[in-house]
Every structure is written in C-alpha cells, then in structure tokens.
Amino acid sequence: MRRPWLTVGLAALCVAVGVPAHPASGATAQRTVATAARPVVDMEATVLAAQIDPRRADNTLTPGAKSSVLAVEQALQARNLLDAQWVDGYFGTVTVAAYAAYQRSLGYTGLAANGLPGTTSLTKLGLNRYTVGNTIGPGAKVQRDGYVVNARTQAMLAEAQRLLGRTLVLEQGSYNPGGDPTSAGTHDGGGVVDISVAGMTAAKRTAVARALRQVGFAAWVRDPSQGDWPWHIHATAINDTDLSSQAQHQVGDYYLGMNGLANRGPDDGPRIPIQTWEQYQRGQ
C-alpha cells in the first residue's frame, strides 16, 4: 500500500522536475531530467571568445566563456572535426578552423562559413548535447547613406547618434568584398563601417569614437599617416556573426589593447570599458 507521505514526496519531486505526478511518468521524468541537465551554451560569450582567443599570445581563456566553448569543442570532437587535445575551452585558431569545417559540412559558404558560430549552426551542432542561450544575429541587410549594412549595425549607429546628438554619415559600408583594397578585407563582411569626419574638430572625432565604443563597436580615428586613406573613423561591431576574418582579428586586438592595424600597435582610441551591443542594451 502507498503511504501518504510517499505520495506527497513523489508529487513534490515531480513538480520540481516538471513532470506529471503519476506512476506511469517514470520514463517521461527521466527524459525531462536529462534535458534539464544539458549544458547551456552562451552564444554571446562563445562568439566573443572566437574573436579574442585566436589573437592571444598565450592560452588565456576568455572570461565567462570556458564552459560554453568546451561544450562546442566536445560536439566538434564527436564529429571528428577536432582532436581531443584542443578540447580545452580555448576558442583558438584550431577551433575556429574546425567550426568553419563544420559549417561547410552543412553546405554553408562565404561568410556563413567564417568560423564564428551562428544561431542555426550552433543549435544543430548541439542537438541532444546542449541548448543555446543568449542568441545573437546580424539581422537583415539594409541601406544607409547609399551603403549596405545589417540591421544590428544600423541600430548601433542610431544609438551612437542619439548619444552624440548628431548624425553620422558613412563613407564605406559592409558586405563590400574588394571594394577598398586599403581596408585589408575588413569590410568584406558585416558589422564594419567607415564614418566621415568632415567638419569635425579633433575633440569631436574623439567623442564620436567614444560613443561608438560605448554602444559596442571597436572604433578608432584613422589618419593619413597610418595608411593610404583620408581622415575617418573605422568601426567594427563586436560579436557581429557576419564579420570577415580580418574584422574578427580587429575585434580580438581591440580587446587586447591594440589599434586594429597590421602593426598591432597600442590602442590609440578613447579608453572606456569594452562591451558588446547586447551588454550595452542590458545596461540601459
């Protein structure tokens, strides 16, 4: 005979794991508990690690990303795309290459196989292994000042304008492969723009770069002494999953205190706490 206290205990346990409180629910309960026990891959942290880790001189892990990166690497290893020695929570060049190979195995090409996890590929990779949280994406392509950008970049620029109280005009947009050889491929993908500084004082140029950094860009004032270009502000949207490889490297260098140029010199922009667009939004 079932004792009353046992019935109450079973009901409480079932409520805790979210399954019906009846004897026939044992298999359902096991499946539910197994699902609940799957790790959650933080997409924001994982994508950030994939930009920063390949640029490090050592194997320092990106804060807050280790468990998520490990889950992704274990899934890549299970598909024989990553050797066990690289399953370490460090999203370095080997893991980026393995993830790009996985994207190609799905039939992706171009920016869709750039080694940065996208929502669809990350979810497919984790089927029956992990769930995905804090999903991000570039959104649809839109027009701005006669150039192509994506919806995420557009929203970031709009917020920077609001903070500055002035309109920002583009001199170059995104998704422009080969359009400007001096850009070294950074504009080939999404999330990267050049902003006109016509009529701006040095102080105003710095203020614009600061506002762009505040909303989640890696942004620098560029001058003719640095390369074959006029004065402008170069901005790369952190964690844009459509970034070209060169733009990914710029983001990583920005986090490591560099200037985003080929010489990897010290950061010459305004110093503020670095954050992504999503982190900025959560802080508002």
C-alpha atoms as a PDB file:
ATOM      1  CA  MET A   1       0.000   0.000   0.000  1.00  0.00           C
ATOM      2  CA  ARG A   2       1.293   3.509  -0.820  1.00  0.00           C
ATOM      3  CA  ARG A   3       1.976   5.572   2.274  1.00  0.00           C
ATOM      4  CA  PRO A   4       0.544   9.146   2.305  1.00  0.00           C
ATOM      5  CA  TRP A   5       3.948  10.707   2.963  1.00  0.00           C
ATOM      6  CA  LEU A   6       5.418   8.823  -0.018  1.00  0.00           C
ATOM      7  CA  THR A   7       2.652  10.124  -2.296  1.00  0.00           C
ATOM      8  CA  VAL A   8       3.255  13.691  -1.180  1.00  0.00           C
ATOM      9  CA  GLY A   9       7.026  13.262  -1.628  1.00  0.00           C
ATOM     10  CA  LEU A  10       6.584  11.873  -5.141  1.00  0.00           C
ATOM     11  CA  ALA A  11       4.266  14.731  -6.073  1.00  0.00           C
ATOM     12  CA  ALA A  12       6.734  17.310  -4.777  1.00  0.00           C
ATOM     13  CA  LEU A  13       9.574  15.677  -6.703  1.00  0.00           C
ATOM     14  CA  CYS A  14       7.528  15.615  -9.889  1.00  0.00           C
ATOM     15  CA  VAL A  15       6.620  19.264  -9.516  1.00  0.00           C
ATOM     16  CA  ALA A  16      10.311  20.099  -9.043  1.00  0.00           C
ATOM     17  CA  VAL A  17      11.319  18.415 -12.300  1.00  0.00           C
ATOM     18  CA  GLY A  18       8.194  19.449 -14.201  1.00  0.00           C
ATOM     19  CA  VAL A  19       6.550  16.048 -14.932  1.00  0.00           C
ATOM     20  CA  PRO A  20       3.069  14.661 -14.117  1.00  0.00           C
ATOM     21  CA  ALA A  21       2.754  13.041 -10.676  1.00  0.00           C
ATOM     22  CA  HIS A  22       1.570   9.553 -11.626  1.00  0.00           C
ATOM     23  CA  PRO A  23       3.279   6.155 -11.643  1.00  0.00           C
ATOM     24  CA  ALA A  24       3.398   5.858 -15.429  1.00  0.00           C
ATOM     25  CA  SER A  25       5.523   9.001 -15.788  1.00  0.00           C
ATOM     26  CA  GLY A  26       8.892   7.456 -14.876  1.00  0.00           C
ATOM     27  CA  ALA A  27      10.281   7.398 -18.428  1.00  0.00           C
ATOM     28  CA  THR A  28       8.999  10.911 -19.061  1.00  0.00           C
ATOM     29  CA  ALA A  29      10.657  12.100 -15.875  1.00  0.00           C
ATOM     30  CA  GLN A  30      13.962  10.566 -16.920  1.00  0.00           C
ATOM     31  CA  ARG A  31      13.818  12.277 -20.307  1.00  0.00           C
ATOM     32  CA  THR A  32      12.890  15.618 -18.720  1.00  0.00           C
ATOM     33  CA  VAL A  33      15.686  15.433 -16.162  1.00  0.00           C
ATOM     34  CA  ALA A  34      18.170  14.509 -18.901  1.00  0.00           C
ATOM     35  CA  THR A  35      17.069  17.516 -20.975  1.00  0.00           C
ATOM     36  CA  ALA A  36      17.287  19.829 -17.987  1.00  0.00           C
ATOM     37  CA  ALA A  37      20.791  18.557 -17.245  1.00  0.00           C
ATOM     38  CA  ARG A  38      22.164  19.537 -20.661  1.00  0.00           C
ATOM     39  CA  PRO A  39      24.621  22.428 -20.524  1.00  0.00           C
ATOM     40  CA  VAL A  40      23.620  25.804 -21.882  1.00  0.00           C
ATOM     41  CA  VAL A  41      25.987  27.332 -24.429  1.00  0.00           C
ATOM     42  CA  ASP A  42      26.090  31.105 -24.055  1.00  0.00           C
ATOM     43  CA  MET A  43      26.269  32.192 -27.682  1.00  0.00           C
ATOM     44  CA  GLU A  44      27.383  35.736 -26.861  1.00  0.00           C
ATOM     45  CA  ALA A  45      30.336  34.507 -24.822  1.00  0.00           C
ATOM     46  CA  THR A  46      31.238  31.803 -27.344  1.00  0.00           C
ATOM     47  CA  VAL A  47      31.293  34.176 -30.328  1.00  0.00           C
ATOM     48  CA  LEU A  48      33.338  36.673 -28.328  1.00  0.00           C
ATOM     49  CA  ALA A  49      35.901  34.004 -27.459  1.00  0.00           C
ATOM     50  CA  ALA A  50      36.146  33.039 -31.136  1.00  0.00           C
ATOM     51  CA  GLN A  51      37.236  36.614 -31.906  1.00  0.00           C
ATOM     52  CA  ILE A  52      39.612  37.171 -28.979  1.00  0.00           C
ATOM     53  CA  ASP A  53      41.292  33.806 -28.335  1.00  0.00           C
ATOM     54  CA  PRO A  54      42.957  33.436 -31.765  1.00  0.00           C
ATOM     55  CA  ARG A  55      44.730  36.771 -31.222  1.00  0.00           C
ATOM     56  CA  ARG A  56      46.202  35.929 -27.817  1.00  0.00           C
ATOM     57  CA  ALA A  57      49.894  35.231 -27.387  1.00  0.00           C
ATOM     58  CA  ASP A  58      49.057  32.568 -24.808  1.00  0.00           C
ATOM     59  CA  ASN A  59      46.183  30.242 -23.918  1.00  0.00           C
ATOM     60  CA  THR A  60      44.384  32.583 -21.542  1.00  0.00           C
ATOM     61  CA  LEU A  61      40.653  31.866 -21.661  1.00  0.00           C
ATOM     62  CA  THR A  62      38.030  34.497 -22.375  1.00  0.00           C
ATOM     63  CA  PRO A  63      36.238  35.204 -19.068  1.00  0.00           C
ATOM     64  CA  GLY A  64      32.805  33.607 -18.841  1.00  0.00           C
ATOM     65  CA  ALA A  65      33.229  31.512 -21.978  1.00  0.00           C
ATOM     66  CA  LYS A  66      35.033  28.341 -20.855  1.00  0.00           C
ATOM     67  CA  SER A  67      32.065  26.031 -20.209  1.00  0.00           C
ATOM     68  CA  SER A  68      30.292  27.114 -23.395  1.00  0.00           C
ATOM     69  CA  VAL A  69      33.387  26.732 -25.555  1.00  0.00           C
ATOM     70  CA  LEU A  70      34.083  23.317 -24.022  1.00  0.00           C
ATOM     71  CA  ALA A  71      30.587  22.132 -24.938  1.00  0.00           C
ATOM     72  CA  VAL A  72      31.065  23.318 -28.523  1.00  0.00           C
ATOM     73  CA  GLU A  73      34.515  21.725 -28.771  1.00  0.00           C
ATOM     74  CA  GLN A  74      33.209  18.426 -27.398  1.00  0.00           C
ATOM     75  CA  ALA A  75      30.493  18.456 -30.047  1.00  0.00           C
ATOM     76  CA  LEU A  76      33.071  19.157 -32.763  1.00  0.00           C
ATOM     77  CA  GLN A  77      35.234  16.327 -31.436  1.00  0.00           C
ATOM     78  CA  ALA A  78      32.245  13.978 -31.549  1.00  0.00           C
ATOM     79  CA  ARG A  79      32.000  14.760 -35.277  1.00  0.00           C
ATOM     80  CA  ASN A  80      35.719  14.029 -35.740  1.00  0.00           C
ATOM     81  CA  LEU A  81      36.396  17.656 -36.620  1.00  0.00           C
ATOM     82  CA  LEU A  82      38.571  18.493 -33.606  1.00  0.00           C
ATOM     83  CA  ASP A  83      41.262  16.429 -31.920  1.00  0.00           C
ATOM     84  CA  ALA A  84      40.885  15.799 -28.178  1.00  0.00           C
ATOM     85  CA  GLN A  85      43.989  17.840 -27.350  1.00  0.00           C
ATOM     86  CA  TRP A  86      42.159  21.004 -28.473  1.00  0.00           C
ATOM     87  CA  VAL A  87      39.089  20.444 -26.291  1.00  0.00           C
ATOM     88  CA  ASP A  88      40.187  22.894 -23.625  1.00  0.00           C
ATOM     89  CA  GLY A  89      37.757  25.849 -23.505  1.00  0.00           C
ATOM     90  CA  TYR A  90      40.070  27.976 -25.659  1.00  0.00           C
ATOM     91  CA  PHE A  91      38.467  29.020 -28.967  1.00  0.00           C
ATOM     92  CA  GLY A  92      41.768  29.430 -30.798  1.00  0.00           C
ATOM     93  CA  THR A  93      42.640  29.152 -34.470  1.00  0.00           C
ATOM     94  CA  VAL A  94      42.299  25.360 -34.481  1.00  0.00           C
ATOM     95  CA  THR A  95      38.783  25.502 -33.056  1.00  0.00           C
ATOM     96  CA  VAL A  96      37.820  28.303 -35.446  1.00  0.00           C
ATOM     97  CA  ALA A  97      39.036  26.161 -38.366  1.00  0.00           C
ATOM     98  CA  ALA A  98      37.131  23.139 -37.028  1.00  0.00           C
ATOM     99  CA  TYR A  99      33.938  25.167 -36.663  1.00  0.00           C
ATOM    100  CA  ALA A 100      34.356  26.538 -40.202  1.00  0.00           C
ATOM    101  CA  ALA A 101      34.740  22.948 -41.442  1.00  0.00           C
ATOM    102  CA  TYR A 102      31.535  22.036 -39.630  1.00  0.00           C
ATOM    103  CA  GLN A 103      29.754  24.997 -41.270  1.00  0.00           C
ATOM    104  CA  ARG A 104      30.958  23.833 -44.674  1.00  0.00           C
ATOM    105  CA  SER A 105      29.689  20.326 -43.900  1.00  0.00           C
ATOM    106  CA  LEU A 106      26.245  21.909 -43.593  1.00  0.00           C
ATOM    107  CA  GLY A 107      26.635  23.338 -47.084  1.00  0.00           C
ATOM    108  CA  TYR A 108      27.490  26.867 -45.925  1.00  0.00           C
ATOM    109  CA  THR A 109      29.906  29.013 -47.895  1.00  0.00           C
ATOM    110  CA  GLY A 110      31.379  32.506 -47.674  1.00  0.00           C
ATOM    111  CA  LEU A 111      30.507  34.473 -44.546  1.00  0.00           C
ATOM    112  CA  ALA A 112      28.247  31.644 -43.373  1.00  0.00           C
ATOM    113  CA  ALA A 113      31.405  29.513 -43.027  1.00  0.00           C
ATOM    114  CA  ASN A 114      33.622  32.106 -41.335  1.00  0.00           C
ATOM    115  CA  GLY A 115      34.245  30.054 -38.178  1.00  0.00           C
ATOM    116  CA  LEU A 116      32.042  32.235 -35.977  1.00  0.00           C
ATOM    117  CA  PRO A 117      29.086  30.305 -34.568  1.00  0.00           C
ATOM    118  CA  GLY A 118      25.725  31.363 -35.962  1.00  0.00           C
ATOM    119  CA  THR A 119      22.445  30.543 -34.251  1.00  0.00           C
ATOM    120  CA  THR A 120      21.391  27.832 -36.712  1.00  0.00           C
ATOM    121  CA  SER A 121      24.738  26.040 -36.941  1.00  0.00           C
ATOM    122  CA  LEU A 122      25.328  26.278 -33.190  1.00  0.00           C
ATOM    123  CA  THR A 123      21.906  24.810 -32.463  1.00  0.00           C
ATOM    124  CA  LYS A 124      22.354  21.981 -34.961  1.00  0.00           C
ATOM    125  CA  LEU A 125      25.775  21.151 -33.537  1.00  0.00           C
ATOM    126  CA  GLY A 126      24.315  20.886 -30.049  1.00  0.00           C
ATOM    127  CA  LEU A 127      21.392  18.620 -30.913  1.00  0.00           C
ATOM    128  CA  ASN A 128      20.909  16.275 -27.918  1.00  0.00           C
ATOM    129  CA  ARG A 129      24.081  17.695 -26.350  1.00  0.00           C
ATOM    130  CA  TYR A 130      23.403  21.272 -25.223  1.00  0.00           C
ATOM    131  CA  THR A 131      20.935  24.114 -25.520  1.00  0.00           C
ATOM    132  CA  VAL A 132      21.764  27.615 -26.761  1.00  0.00           C
ATOM    133  CA  GLY A 133      21.190  30.788 -24.763  1.00  0.00           C
ATOM    134  CA  ASN A 134      21.818  34.497 -25.394  1.00  0.00           C
ATOM    135  CA  THR A 135      21.401  34.087 -29.137  1.00  0.00           C
ATOM    136  CA  ILE A 136      22.583  36.915 -31.381  1.00  0.00           C
ATOM    137  CA  GLY A 137      22.443  37.672 -35.081  1.00  0.00           C
ATOM    138  CA  PRO A 138      23.144  40.434 -37.603  1.00  0.00           C
ATOM    139  CA  GLY A 139      19.615  40.771 -38.905  1.00  0.00           C
ATOM    140  CA  ALA A 140      18.600  41.716 -42.424  1.00  0.00           C
ATOM    141  CA  LYS A 141      20.702  43.806 -44.789  1.00  0.00           C
ATOM    142  CA  VAL A 142      19.541  47.411 -45.077  1.00  0.00           C
ATOM    143  CA  GLN A 143      20.623  50.595 -46.860  1.00  0.00           C
ATOM    144  CA  ARG A 144      22.301  53.518 -45.114  1.00  0.00           C
ATOM    145  CA  ASP A 145      23.800  56.543 -46.881  1.00  0.00           C
ATOM    146  CA  GLY A 146      23.895  54.535 -50.094  1.00  0.00           C
ATOM    147  CA  TYR A 147      25.804  51.666 -48.487  1.00  0.00           C
ATOM    148  CA  VAL A 148      24.777  48.215 -47.239  1.00  0.00           C
ATOM    149  CA  VAL A 149      24.848  47.429 -43.513  1.00  0.00           C
ATOM    150  CA  ASN A 150      22.882  44.969 -41.413  1.00  0.00           C
ATOM    151  CA  ALA A 151      20.060  45.736 -39.011  1.00  0.00           C
ATOM    152  CA  ARG A 152      22.204  45.227 -35.911  1.00  0.00           C
ATOM    153  CA  THR A 153      24.839  47.682 -37.165  1.00  0.00           C
ATOM    154  CA  GLN A 154      22.117  50.152 -38.102  1.00  0.00           C
ATOM    155  CA  ALA A 155      20.655  50.003 -34.600  1.00  0.00           C
ATOM    156  CA  MET A 156      24.082  50.530 -33.047  1.00  0.00           C
ATOM    157  CA  LEU A 157      24.763  53.564 -35.240  1.00  0.00           C
ATOM    158  CA  ALA A 158      21.348  55.014 -34.398  1.00  0.00           C
ATOM    159  CA  GLU A 159      22.059  54.734 -30.678  1.00  0.00           C
ATOM    160  CA  ALA A 160      25.510  56.322 -31.067  1.00  0.00           C
ATOM    161  CA  GLN A 161      23.843  59.208 -32.890  1.00  0.00           C
ATOM    162  CA  ARG A 162      21.363  59.607 -30.068  1.00  0.00           C
ATOM    163  CA  LEU A 163      24.163  59.765 -27.514  1.00  0.00           C
ATOM    164  CA  LEU A 164      26.063  62.313 -29.597  1.00  0.00           C
ATOM    165  CA  GLY A 165      23.104  64.401 -30.660  1.00  0.00           C
ATOM    166  CA  ARG A 166      24.349  64.455 -34.262  1.00  0.00           C
ATOM    167  CA  THR A 167      24.029  62.438 -37.465  1.00  0.00           C
ATOM    168  CA  LEU A 168      26.829  60.120 -38.522  1.00  0.00           C
ATOM    169  CA  VAL A 169      27.486  59.802 -42.254  1.00  0.00           C
ATOM    170  CA  LEU A 170      29.086  56.707 -43.750  1.00  0.00           C
ATOM    171  CA  GLU A 171      31.981  56.753 -46.197  1.00  0.00           C
ATOM    172  CA  GLN A 172      32.002  52.972 -46.562  1.00  0.00           C
ATOM    173  CA  GLY A 173      29.620  50.249 -45.530  1.00  0.00           C
ATOM    174  CA  SER A 174      29.669  46.493 -45.028  1.00  0.00           C
ATOM    175  CA  TYR A 175      29.480  43.452 -47.341  1.00  0.00           C
ATOM    176  CA  ASN A 176      31.882  45.148 -49.758  1.00  0.00           C
ATOM    177  CA  PRO A 177      34.429  42.481 -50.794  1.00  0.00           C
ATOM    178  CA  GLY A 178      37.347  44.024 -52.623  1.00  0.00           C
ATOM    179  CA  GLY A 179      35.684  47.429 -52.672  1.00  0.00           C
ATOM    180  CA  ASP A 180      38.564  49.197 -50.932  1.00  0.00           C
ATOM    181  CA  PRO A 181      41.975  47.497 -51.019  1.00  0.00           C
ATOM    182  CA  THR A 182      43.252  49.758 -48.219  1.00  0.00           C
ATOM    183  CA  SER A 183      40.729  48.198 -45.828  1.00  0.00           C
ATOM    184  CA  ALA A 184      42.529  44.822 -45.947  1.00  0.00           C
ATOM    185  CA  GLY A 185      39.292  42.845 -46.182  1.00  0.00           C
ATOM    186  CA  THR A 186      37.675  44.209 -43.012  1.00  0.00           C
ATOM    187  CA  HIS A 187      34.645  45.460 -44.970  1.00  0.00           C
ATOM    188  CA  ASP A 188      34.176  42.153 -46.821  1.00  0.00           C
ATOM    189  CA  GLY A 189      31.617  41.004 -44.264  1.00  0.00           C
ATOM    190  CA  GLY A 190      29.087  42.617 -41.974  1.00  0.00           C
ATOM    191  CA  GLY A 191      29.427  44.924 -38.992  1.00  0.00           C
ATOM    192  CA  VAL A 192      32.140  47.234 -40.359  1.00  0.00           C
ATOM    193  CA  VAL A 193      31.726  50.877 -41.434  1.00  0.00           C
ATOM    194  CA  ASP A 194      33.841  53.954 -42.078  1.00  0.00           C
ATOM    195  CA  ILE A 195      32.392  57.247 -40.846  1.00  0.00           C
ATOM    196  CA  SER A 196      33.059  60.671 -42.303  1.00  0.00           C
ATOM    197  CA  VAL A 197      34.766  63.209 -40.020  1.00  0.00           C
ATOM    198  CA  ALA A 198      34.273  66.177 -42.364  1.00  0.00           C
ATOM    199  CA  GLY A 199      33.997  69.382 -40.344  1.00  0.00           C
ATOM    200  CA  MET A 200      34.833  67.677 -37.048  1.00  0.00           C
ATOM    201  CA  THR A 201      37.417  69.010 -34.633  1.00  0.00           C
ATOM    202  CA  ALA A 202      39.889  66.609 -33.047  1.00  0.00           C
ATOM    203  CA  ALA A 203      37.792  66.663 -29.867  1.00  0.00           C
ATOM    204  CA  LYS A 204      34.622  65.831 -31.795  1.00  0.00           C
ATOM    205  CA  ARG A 205      36.326  62.950 -33.625  1.00  0.00           C
ATOM    206  CA  THR A 206      37.352  61.502 -30.286  1.00  0.00           C
ATOM    207  CA  ALA A 207      33.833  61.974 -28.907  1.00  0.00           C
ATOM    208  CA  VAL A 208      32.375  60.069 -31.859  1.00  0.00           C
ATOM    209  CA  ALA A 209      34.842  57.207 -31.407  1.00  0.00           C
ATOM    210  CA  ARG A 210      33.967  57.105 -27.693  1.00  0.00           C
ATOM    211  CA  ALA A 211      30.223  56.910 -28.388  1.00  0.00           C
ATOM    212  CA  LEU A 212      30.759  54.156 -30.940  1.00  0.00           C
ATOM    213  CA  ARG A 213      32.811  52.193 -28.418  1.00  0.00           C
ATOM    214  CA  GLN A 214      30.139  52.736 -25.797  1.00  0.00           C
ATOM    215  CA  VAL A 215      27.474  51.010 -27.902  1.00  0.00           C
ATOM    216  CA  GLY A 216      29.681  48.034 -28.842  1.00  0.00           C
ATOM    217  CA  PHE A 217      31.992  48.974 -31.699  1.00  0.00           C
ATOM    218  CA  ALA A 218      35.744  48.582 -31.789  1.00  0.00           C
ATOM    219  CA  ALA A 219      36.303  52.100 -33.146  1.00  0.00           C
ATOM    220  CA  TRP A 220      39.354  54.167 -33.987  1.00  0.00           C
ATOM    221  CA  VAL A 221      40.061  57.555 -35.548  1.00  0.00           C
ATOM    222  CA  ARG A 222      42.220  56.872 -38.620  1.00  0.00           C
ATOM    223  CA  ASP A 223      44.565  59.473 -40.103  1.00  0.00           C
ATOM    224  CA  PRO A 224      46.627  59.608 -43.349  1.00  0.00           C
ATOM    225  CA  SER A 225      49.871  58.901 -41.511  1.00  0.00           C
ATOM    226  CA  GLN A 226      48.648  55.373 -40.728  1.00  0.00           C
ATOM    227  CA  GLY A 227      47.823  54.289 -44.264  1.00  0.00           C
ATOM    228  CA  ASP A 228      46.668  55.248 -47.733  1.00  0.00           C
ATOM    229  CA  TRP A 229      43.406  56.811 -46.602  1.00  0.00           C
ATOM    230  CA  PRO A 230      41.917  60.166 -45.553  1.00  0.00           C
ATOM    231  CA  TRP A 231      40.848  61.042 -42.026  1.00  0.00           C
ATOM    232  CA  HIS A 232      37.889  58.881 -40.987  1.00  0.00           C
ATOM    233  CA  ILE A 233      36.573  56.748 -38.141  1.00  0.00           C
ATOM    234  CA  HIS A 234      36.742  52.995 -38.619  1.00  0.00           C
ATOM    235  CA  ALA A 235      34.230  50.974 -36.604  1.00  0.00           C
ATOM    236  CA  THR A 236      33.826  47.197 -36.275  1.00  0.00           C
ATOM    237  CA  ALA A 237      30.762  45.833 -34.493  1.00  0.00           C
ATOM    238  CA  ILE A 238      31.868  43.382 -31.789  1.00  0.00           C
ATOM    239  CA  ASN A 239      30.127  39.990 -31.985  1.00  0.00           C
ATOM    240  CA  ASP A 240      28.631  40.531 -35.426  1.00  0.00           C
ATOM    241  CA  THR A 241      28.494  36.942 -36.649  1.00  0.00           C
ATOM    242  CA  ASP A 242      28.955  38.106 -40.268  1.00  0.00           C
ATOM    243  CA  LEU A 243      32.412  39.578 -39.608  1.00  0.00           C
ATOM    244  CA  SER A 244      35.128  38.745 -42.117  1.00  0.00           C
ATOM    245  CA  SER A 245      38.207  37.023 -40.723  1.00  0.00           C
ATOM    246  CA  GLN A 246      40.143  40.292 -40.838  1.00  0.00           C
ATOM    247  CA  ALA A 247      37.414  42.106 -38.921  1.00  0.00           C
ATOM    248  CA  GLN A 248      37.325  39.302 -36.344  1.00  0.00           C
ATOM    249  CA  HIS A 249      41.028  39.899 -35.785  1.00  0.00           C
ATOM    250  CA  GLN A 250      40.408  43.608 -35.265  1.00  0.00           C
ATOM    251  CA  VAL A 251      37.902  42.868 -32.518  1.00  0.00           C
ATOM    252  CA  GLY A 252      40.298  40.490 -30.824  1.00  0.00           C
ATOM    253  CA  ASP A 253      43.092  43.036 -30.951  1.00  0.00           C
ATOM    254  CA  TYR A 254      40.790  45.722 -29.560  1.00  0.00           C
ATOM    255  CA  TYR A 255      40.061  43.574 -26.514  1.00  0.00           C
ATOM    256  CA  LEU A 256      43.787  43.014 -26.098  1.00  0.00           C
ATOM    257  CA  GLY A 257      44.558  46.738 -26.095  1.00  0.00           C
ATOM    258  CA  MET A 258      45.721  47.168 -29.694  1.00  0.00           C
ATOM    259  CA  ASN A 259      44.926  49.579 -32.519  1.00  0.00           C
ATOM    260  CA  GLY A 260      43.358  47.187 -35.026  1.00  0.00           C
ATOM    261  CA  LEU A 261      46.053  47.867 -37.625  1.00  0.00           C
ATOM    262  CA  ALA A 262      48.509  45.424 -39.173  1.00  0.00           C
ATOM    263  CA  ASN A 263      51.300  46.689 -36.904  1.00  0.00           C
ATOM    264  CA  ARG A 264      49.263  45.667 -33.824  1.00  0.00           C
ATOM    265  CA  GLY A 265      50.368  48.822 -32.045  1.00  0.00           C
ATOM    266  CA  PRO A 266      48.858  50.073 -28.785  1.00  0.00           C
ATOM    267  CA  ASP A 267      45.248  51.239 -28.785  1.00  0.00           C
ATOM    268  CA  ASP A 268      45.173  54.956 -29.618  1.00  0.00           C
ATOM    269  CA  GLY A 269      41.464  55.475 -29.018  1.00  0.00           C
ATOM    270  CA  PRO A 270      39.487  56.713 -26.006  1.00  0.00           C
ATOM    271  CA  ARG A 271      39.648  54.197 -23.172  1.00  0.00           C
ATOM    272  CA  ILE A 272      36.276  53.081 -21.850  1.00  0.00           C
ATOM    273  CA  PRO A 273      35.019  49.711 -20.541  1.00  0.00           C
ATOM    274  CA  ILE A 274      34.656  47.384 -23.524  1.00  0.00           C
ATOM    275  CA  GLN A 275      31.214  45.915 -24.104  1.00  0.00           C
ATOM    276  CA  THR A 276      29.084  44.393 -26.842  1.00  0.00           C
ATOM    277  CA  TRP A 277      25.863  45.900 -28.192  1.00  0.00           C
ATOM    278  CA  GLU A 278      23.829  43.365 -26.220  1.00  0.00           C
ATOM    279  CA  GLN A 279      25.680  44.182 -22.991  1.00  0.00           C
ATOM    280  CA  TYR A 280      25.090  47.878 -23.616  1.00  0.00           C
ATOM    281  CA  GLN A 281      21.352  47.268 -24.106  1.00  0.00           C
ATOM    282  CA  ARG A 282      21.074  45.295 -20.890  1.00  0.00           C
ATOM    283  CA  GLY A 283      22.701  48.167 -19.030  1.00  0.00           C
ATOM    284  CA  GLN A 284      20.117  50.709 -20.150  1.00  0.00           C
END
